[in-house]
Amino acid sequence: MKTFDTQLAMSIVSHSTGGFSYDTLARALISMDKSENSTKLLESCRAFCLSLEEQGILRRCHKCTNSQDEYFEYVAH
């Protein structure tokens, strides 16, 4: 099993515009590496986004509250 590539995930997050969900992040990572276990990757992406939210790097996208998915926005520093 591969480890979660936080550097690649952070690169994707920091170049995002607008809101995104953690499953969108997982799809982007899967498209770059087809060998990754998609279920495990989805869980890792959710944990990664929640961790970044706690650190103030991401914030919940309040414009996307009508969706069942959790959407985040990158906070540029």
C-alpha atoms as a PDB file:
ATOM      1  CA  MET A   1       0.000   0.000   0.000  1.00  0.00           C
ATOM      2  CA  LYS A   2       1.321   3.414  -0.937  1.00  0.00           C
ATOM      3  CA  THR A   3       1.443   6.247   1.536  1.00  0.00           C
ATOM      4  CA  PHE A   4      -0.647   9.358   0.990  1.00  0.00           C
ATOM      5  CA  ASP A   5       1.307  11.925  -1.043  1.00  0.00           C
ATOM      6  CA  THR A   6       0.771  15.049   1.054  1.00  0.00           C
ATOM      7  CA  GLN A   7       3.129  17.115  -1.093  1.00  0.00           C
ATOM      8  CA  LEU A   8       1.184  16.400  -4.286  1.00  0.00           C
ATOM      9  CA  ALA A   9      -2.145  16.889  -2.504  1.00  0.00           C
ATOM     10  CA  MET A  10      -0.985  20.228  -1.078  1.00  0.00           C
ATOM     11  CA  SER A  11       0.147  21.327  -4.527  1.00  0.00           C
ATOM     12  CA  ILE A  12      -3.317  20.567  -5.928  1.00  0.00           C
ATOM     13  CA  VAL A  13      -5.065  22.298  -3.009  1.00  0.00           C
ATOM     14  CA  SER A  14      -2.887  25.410  -3.139  1.00  0.00           C
ATOM     15  CA  HIS A  15      -3.539  25.848  -6.871  1.00  0.00           C
ATOM     16  CA  SER A  16      -7.295  25.413  -6.568  1.00  0.00           C
ATOM     17  CA  THR A  17      -9.708  28.222  -7.311  1.00  0.00           C
ATOM     18  CA  GLY A  18     -13.115  28.274  -5.699  1.00  0.00           C
ATOM     19  CA  GLY A  19     -14.547  25.481  -3.613  1.00  0.00           C
ATOM     20  CA  PHE A  20     -13.667  21.820  -3.919  1.00  0.00           C
ATOM     21  CA  SER A  21     -14.653  18.645  -2.105  1.00  0.00           C
ATOM     22  CA  TYR A  22     -12.253  16.047  -0.777  1.00  0.00           C
ATOM     23  CA  ASP A  23     -13.580  13.551  -3.325  1.00  0.00           C
ATOM     24  CA  THR A  24     -12.553  15.973  -6.085  1.00  0.00           C
ATOM     25  CA  LEU A  25      -9.069  15.984  -4.583  1.00  0.00           C
ATOM     26  CA  ALA A  26      -9.115  12.171  -4.507  1.00  0.00           C
ATOM     27  CA  ARG A  27     -10.151  12.037  -8.178  1.00  0.00           C
ATOM     28  CA  ALA A  28      -7.314  14.386  -9.113  1.00  0.00           C
ATOM     29  CA  LEU A  29      -4.810  12.192  -7.266  1.00  0.00           C
ATOM     30  CA  ILE A  30      -6.244   9.003  -8.802  1.00  0.00           C
ATOM     31  CA  SER A  31      -5.943  10.499 -12.282  1.00  0.00           C
ATOM     32  CA  MET A  32      -2.238  10.996 -11.610  1.00  0.00           C
ATOM     33  CA  ASP A  33      -1.669   7.514 -10.152  1.00  0.00           C
ATOM     34  CA  LYS A  34      -4.024   4.730 -11.229  1.00  0.00           C
ATOM     35  CA  SER A  35      -2.583   2.212  -8.740  1.00  0.00           C
ATOM     36  CA  GLU A  36      -3.936   3.929  -5.629  1.00  0.00           C
ATOM     37  CA  ASN A  37      -6.756   2.243  -3.669  1.00  0.00           C
ATOM     38  CA  SER A  38      -9.658   4.641  -4.247  1.00  0.00           C
ATOM     39  CA  THR A  39     -11.521   3.922  -0.990  1.00  0.00           C
ATOM     40  CA  LYS A  40      -8.430   4.415   1.150  1.00  0.00           C
ATOM     41  CA  LEU A  41      -7.456   7.488  -0.851  1.00  0.00           C
ATOM     42  CA  LEU A  42     -10.888   9.054  -0.323  1.00  0.00           C
ATOM     43  CA  GLU A  43     -10.557   8.561   3.442  1.00  0.00           C
ATOM     44  CA  SER A  44      -7.037  10.011   3.368  1.00  0.00           C
ATOM     45  CA  CYS A  45      -8.176  13.048   1.368  1.00  0.00           C
ATOM     46  CA  ARG A  46     -10.984  13.749   3.830  1.00  0.00           C
ATOM     47  CA  ALA A  47      -8.602  13.498   6.799  1.00  0.00           C
ATOM     48  CA  PHE A  48      -6.066  15.690   4.969  1.00  0.00           C
ATOM     49  CA  CYS A  49      -8.648  18.406   4.232  1.00  0.00           C
ATOM     50  CA  LEU A  50      -9.971  18.357   7.800  1.00  0.00           C
ATOM     51  CA  SER A  51      -6.411  18.631   9.117  1.00  0.00           C
ATOM     52  CA  LEU A  52      -5.717  21.610   6.849  1.00  0.00           C
ATOM     53  CA  GLU A  53      -8.956  23.208   8.024  1.00  0.00           C
ATOM     54  CA  GLU A  54      -7.826  22.871  11.653  1.00  0.00           C
ATOM     55  CA  GLN A  55      -4.528  24.556  10.710  1.00  0.00           C
ATOM     56  CA  GLY A  56      -6.331  27.441   8.971  1.00  0.00           C
ATOM     57  CA  ILE A  57      -5.027  26.496   5.524  1.00  0.00           C
ATOM     58  CA  LEU A  58      -8.499  25.527   4.280  1.00  0.00           C
ATOM     59  CA  ARG A  59     -11.902  26.809   5.287  1.00  0.00           C
ATOM     60  CA  ARG A  60     -15.358  25.425   4.683  1.00  0.00           C
ATOM     61  CA  CYS A  61     -16.953  26.878   1.584  1.00  0.00           C
ATOM     62  CA  HIS A  62     -20.120  28.504   2.893  1.00  0.00           C
ATOM     63  CA  LYS A  63     -21.367  29.175  -0.640  1.00  0.00           C
ATOM     64  CA  CYS A  64     -21.609  25.397  -1.100  1.00  0.00           C
ATOM     65  CA  THR A  65     -23.720  24.563   1.957  1.00  0.00           C
ATOM     66  CA  ASN A  66     -26.679  23.139   0.009  1.00  0.00           C
ATOM     67  CA  SER A  67     -24.632  20.140  -1.067  1.00  0.00           C
ATOM     68  CA  GLN A  68     -24.252  16.930   0.932  1.00  0.00           C
ATOM     69  CA  ASP A  69     -20.503  16.982   0.234  1.00  0.00           C
ATOM     70  CA  GLU A  70     -18.008  18.903   2.342  1.00  0.00           C
ATOM     71  CA  TYR A  71     -16.535  21.724   0.274  1.00  0.00           C
ATOM     72  CA  PHE A  72     -13.397  23.634   1.163  1.00  0.00           C
ATOM     73  CA  GLU A  73     -11.569  26.740  -0.057  1.00  0.00           C
ATOM     74  CA  TYR A  74      -7.829  27.354   0.080  1.00  0.00           C
ATOM     75  CA  VAL A  75      -6.800  30.300   2.255  1.00  0.00           C
ATOM     76  CA  ALA A  76      -3.819  31.994   0.606  1.00  0.00           C
ATOM     77  CA  HIS A  77      -1.135  33.070   3.065  1.00  0.00           C
END
